[in-house]
Amino acid sequence: MHASVSAKKQQEKVAELEAEVERLQLLLGDRDADAIVKNHIKLLHQYNEVKDATQILIGRLAAWTETTIRQVHKDYDLEDED
């Protein structure tokens, strides 16, 4: 009797997981997981390049105005975090 209850719970869990897989596949569509990851990495590289360029400009502005980078961040309400 104990084994049948356990098997029933396992079947329920499998059905739950299959439903979750189906829901996620509908959400993602036919997109390939590798393609999604590659695109994400590409976007992260672009973000980092823009952020680096921005930090260079902020540094130049700080030097030009003879102030600190921290003060430029405060003056323009820029966050110190990503």
N, C-alpha and C. Protein backbone atom coordinates (compact mmCIF):
# COMPACT_ATOMS: atom_id res chain seq x y z
N MET A 1 0.82 -1.19 0.00
CA MET A 1 0.00 0.00 0.00
C MET A 1 0.87 1.26 0.00
N HIS A 2 1.92 1.28 0.78
CA HIS A 2 2.81 2.43 0.85
C HIS A 2 3.43 2.74 -0.50
N ALA A 3 3.79 1.69 -1.25
CA ALA A 3 4.40 1.87 -2.55
C ALA A 3 3.43 2.51 -3.55
N SER A 4 2.15 2.16 -3.48
CA SER A 4 1.18 2.73 -4.42
C SER A 4 0.95 4.22 -4.15
N VAL A 5 0.97 4.60 -2.90
CA VAL A 5 0.83 6.03 -2.57
C VAL A 5 2.04 6.78 -3.09
N SER A 6 3.20 6.23 -2.89
CA SER A 6 4.42 6.86 -3.36
C SER A 6 4.42 6.96 -4.88
N ALA A 7 3.98 5.92 -5.56
CA ALA A 7 3.92 5.94 -7.02
C ALA A 7 2.93 7.00 -7.49
N LYS A 8 1.81 7.12 -6.78
CA LYS A 8 0.81 8.12 -7.13
C LYS A 8 1.38 9.53 -6.99
N LYS A 9 2.11 9.78 -5.90
CA LYS A 9 2.72 11.09 -5.69
C LYS A 9 3.77 11.37 -6.75
N GLN A 10 4.51 10.33 -7.13
CA GLN A 10 5.50 10.49 -8.19
C GLN A 10 4.83 10.87 -9.50
N GLN A 11 3.73 10.22 -9.82
CA GLN A 11 3.01 10.52 -11.05
C GLN A 11 2.48 11.96 -11.03
N GLU A 12 2.00 12.39 -9.88
CA GLU A 12 1.52 13.76 -9.76
C GLU A 12 2.65 14.76 -9.98
N LYS A 13 3.80 14.44 -9.39
CA LYS A 13 4.96 15.32 -9.53
C LYS A 13 5.42 15.36 -10.98
N VAL A 14 5.45 14.21 -11.65
CA VAL A 14 5.83 14.16 -13.06
C VAL A 14 4.85 14.99 -13.88
N ALA A 15 3.57 14.86 -13.62
CA ALA A 15 2.56 15.63 -14.35
C ALA A 15 2.75 17.13 -14.11
N GLU A 16 3.07 17.50 -12.88
CA GLU A 16 3.33 18.90 -12.53
C GLU A 16 4.51 19.44 -13.33
N LEU A 17 5.58 18.65 -13.34
CA LEU A 17 6.79 19.08 -14.05
C LEU A 17 6.56 19.16 -15.55
N GLU A 18 5.82 18.22 -16.10
CA GLU A 18 5.52 18.25 -17.53
C GLU A 18 4.69 19.48 -17.88
N ALA A 19 3.76 19.83 -17.01
CA ALA A 19 2.94 21.03 -17.24
C ALA A 19 3.82 22.28 -17.19
N GLU A 20 4.76 22.31 -16.26
CA GLU A 20 5.68 23.44 -16.15
C GLU A 20 6.56 23.55 -17.39
N VAL A 21 7.06 22.42 -17.88
CA VAL A 21 7.87 22.41 -19.10
C VAL A 21 7.06 22.94 -20.27
N GLU A 22 5.83 22.50 -20.38
CA GLU A 22 4.96 22.96 -21.47
C GLU A 22 4.71 24.46 -21.38
N ARG A 23 4.47 24.95 -20.17
CA ARG A 23 4.23 26.38 -19.96
C ARG A 23 5.46 27.19 -20.37
N LEU A 24 6.63 26.72 -19.97
CA LEU A 24 7.86 27.43 -20.31
C LEU A 24 8.15 27.38 -21.81
N GLN A 25 7.86 26.25 -22.43
CA GLN A 25 8.07 26.16 -23.88
C GLN A 25 7.14 27.11 -24.62
N LEU A 26 5.92 27.25 -24.15
CA LEU A 26 5.00 28.21 -24.76
C LEU A 26 5.50 29.64 -24.58
N LEU A 27 6.06 29.90 -23.41
CA LEU A 27 6.58 31.23 -23.11
C LEU A 27 7.77 31.57 -24.00
N LEU A 28 8.67 30.61 -24.18
CA LEU A 28 9.88 30.84 -24.97
C LEU A 28 9.66 30.64 -26.46
N GLY A 29 8.64 29.91 -26.82
CA GLY A 29 8.42 29.61 -28.23
C GLY A 29 9.40 28.56 -28.70
N ASP A 30 9.75 28.64 -29.97
CA ASP A 30 10.66 27.66 -30.55
C ASP A 30 12.11 28.10 -30.48
N ARG A 31 12.41 29.06 -29.64
CA ARG A 31 13.77 29.59 -29.56
C ARG A 31 14.71 28.56 -28.96
N ASP A 32 15.88 28.48 -29.53
CA ASP A 32 16.92 27.57 -29.08
C ASP A 32 17.59 28.14 -27.84
N ALA A 33 17.80 27.31 -26.84
CA ALA A 33 18.42 27.77 -25.59
C ALA A 33 19.81 28.34 -25.84
N ASP A 34 20.58 27.71 -26.71
CA ASP A 34 21.93 28.22 -27.01
C ASP A 34 21.87 29.60 -27.64
N ALA A 35 20.89 29.81 -28.51
CA ALA A 35 20.73 31.11 -29.15
C ALA A 35 20.36 32.18 -28.12
N ILE A 36 19.52 31.81 -27.17
CA ILE A 36 19.13 32.75 -26.12
C ILE A 36 20.35 33.14 -25.30
N VAL A 37 21.17 32.16 -24.92
CA VAL A 37 22.37 32.43 -24.12
C VAL A 37 23.35 33.29 -24.91
N LYS A 38 23.58 32.96 -26.18
CA LYS A 38 24.50 33.74 -27.02
C LYS A 38 24.03 35.18 -27.14
N ASN A 39 22.73 35.38 -27.32
CA ASN A 39 22.20 36.74 -27.41
C ASN A 39 22.37 37.48 -26.09
N HIS A 40 22.15 36.80 -24.99
CA HIS A 40 22.32 37.42 -23.68
C HIS A 40 23.77 37.86 -23.47
N ILE A 41 24.71 37.00 -23.85
CA ILE A 41 26.13 37.33 -23.71
C ILE A 41 26.47 38.53 -24.60
N LYS A 42 25.93 38.55 -25.82
CA LYS A 42 26.16 39.67 -26.74
C LYS A 42 25.65 40.98 -26.12
N LEU A 43 24.46 40.92 -25.54
CA LEU A 43 23.89 42.11 -24.90
C LEU A 43 24.71 42.56 -23.70
N LEU A 44 25.23 41.61 -22.94
CA LEU A 44 26.09 41.97 -21.80
C LEU A 44 27.36 42.66 -22.26
N HIS A 45 27.96 42.17 -23.35
CA HIS A 45 29.16 42.81 -23.90
C HIS A 45 28.85 44.24 -24.34
N GLN A 46 27.72 44.42 -25.01
CA GLN A 46 27.33 45.77 -25.44
C GLN A 46 27.13 46.68 -24.24
N TYR A 47 26.46 46.16 -23.22
CA TYR A 47 26.22 46.94 -22.01
C TYR A 47 27.55 47.37 -21.39
N ASN A 48 28.48 46.42 -21.28
CA ASN A 48 29.77 46.73 -20.66
C ASN A 48 30.56 47.75 -21.47
N GLU A 49 30.49 47.67 -22.79
CA GLU A 49 31.17 48.65 -23.63
C GLU A 49 30.60 50.05 -23.43
N VAL A 50 29.28 50.14 -23.38
CA VAL A 50 28.64 51.44 -23.16
C VAL A 50 28.97 51.97 -21.77
N LYS A 51 28.95 51.10 -20.79
CA LYS A 51 29.26 51.51 -19.42
C LYS A 51 30.70 52.00 -19.32
N ASP A 52 31.64 51.28 -19.95
CA ASP A 52 33.04 51.70 -19.94
C ASP A 52 33.21 53.06 -20.59
N ALA A 53 32.56 53.26 -21.74
CA ALA A 53 32.65 54.54 -22.43
C ALA A 53 32.07 55.66 -21.56
N THR A 54 30.98 55.37 -20.90
CA THR A 54 30.35 56.36 -20.03
C THR A 54 31.28 56.73 -18.87
N GLN A 55 31.93 55.73 -18.30
CA GLN A 55 32.84 56.00 -17.19
C GLN A 55 34.03 56.84 -17.64
N ILE A 56 34.50 56.62 -18.87
CA ILE A 56 35.59 57.45 -19.41
C ILE A 56 35.13 58.89 -19.52
N LEU A 57 33.92 59.10 -20.05
CA LEU A 57 33.39 60.46 -20.19
C LEU A 57 33.19 61.13 -18.83
N ILE A 58 32.70 60.37 -17.87
CA ILE A 58 32.51 60.93 -16.53
C ILE A 58 33.85 61.31 -15.93
N GLY A 59 34.86 60.48 -16.15
CA GLY A 59 36.20 60.79 -15.66
C GLY A 59 36.76 62.05 -16.30
N ARG A 60 36.54 62.19 -17.62
CA ARG A 60 37.01 63.40 -18.31
C ARG A 60 36.27 64.64 -17.83
N LEU A 61 34.96 64.50 -17.60
CA LEU A 61 34.18 65.62 -17.08
C LEU A 61 34.67 66.02 -15.69
N ALA A 62 34.99 65.05 -14.88
CA ALA A 62 35.50 65.34 -13.54
C ALA A 62 36.83 66.08 -13.62
N ALA A 63 37.70 65.63 -14.51
CA ALA A 63 39.00 66.29 -14.66
C ALA A 63 38.81 67.71 -15.21
N TRP A 64 37.91 67.86 -16.19
CA TRP A 64 37.68 69.16 -16.81
C TRP A 64 37.11 70.16 -15.81
N THR A 65 36.22 69.68 -14.93
CA THR A 65 35.60 70.57 -13.94
C THR A 65 36.38 70.60 -12.64
N GLU A 66 37.53 69.91 -12.62
CA GLU A 66 38.40 69.85 -11.45
C GLU A 66 37.64 69.40 -10.20
N THR A 67 36.92 68.30 -10.36
CA THR A 67 36.18 67.71 -9.26
C THR A 67 36.41 66.20 -9.28
N THR A 68 35.73 65.50 -8.43
CA THR A 68 35.90 64.04 -8.38
C THR A 68 34.81 63.35 -9.18
N ILE A 69 35.09 62.12 -9.52
CA ILE A 69 34.09 61.31 -10.21
C ILE A 69 32.87 61.13 -9.31
N ARG A 70 33.10 60.93 -8.04
CA ARG A 70 31.99 60.79 -7.08
C ARG A 70 31.10 62.03 -7.10
N GLN A 71 31.73 63.23 -7.17
CA GLN A 71 30.95 64.46 -7.20
C GLN A 71 30.15 64.59 -8.49
N VAL A 72 30.73 64.15 -9.61
CA VAL A 72 30.00 64.17 -10.88
C VAL A 72 28.78 63.27 -10.78
N HIS A 73 28.96 62.10 -10.18
CA HIS A 73 27.83 61.20 -9.98
C HIS A 73 26.73 61.88 -9.15
N LYS A 74 27.13 62.56 -8.09
CA LYS A 74 26.14 63.25 -7.25
C LYS A 74 25.47 64.38 -8.02
N ASP A 75 26.26 65.17 -8.76
CA ASP A 75 25.72 66.31 -9.49
C ASP A 75 24.68 65.91 -10.53
N TYR A 76 24.88 64.73 -11.14
CA TYR A 76 23.97 64.28 -12.19
C TYR A 76 23.03 63.17 -11.73
N ASP A 77 22.95 62.97 -10.42
CA ASP A 77 22.08 61.95 -9.84
C ASP A 77 22.31 60.57 -10.46
N LEU A 78 23.57 60.21 -10.60
CA LEU A 78 23.94 58.90 -11.15
C LEU A 78 24.17 57.93 -9.99
N GLU A 79 23.72 56.72 -10.17
CA GLU A 79 23.92 55.71 -9.15
C GLU A 79 25.33 55.16 -9.23
N ASP A 80 25.88 54.74 -8.10
CA ASP A 80 27.21 54.16 -8.06
C ASP A 80 27.20 52.69 -8.40
N GLU A 81 26.01 52.10 -8.47
CA GLU A 81 25.88 50.66 -8.73
C GLU A 81 25.35 50.43 -10.13
N ASP A 82 25.49 49.19 -10.62
CA ASP A 82 24.96 48.82 -11.95
C ASP A 82 23.47 48.83 -11.93
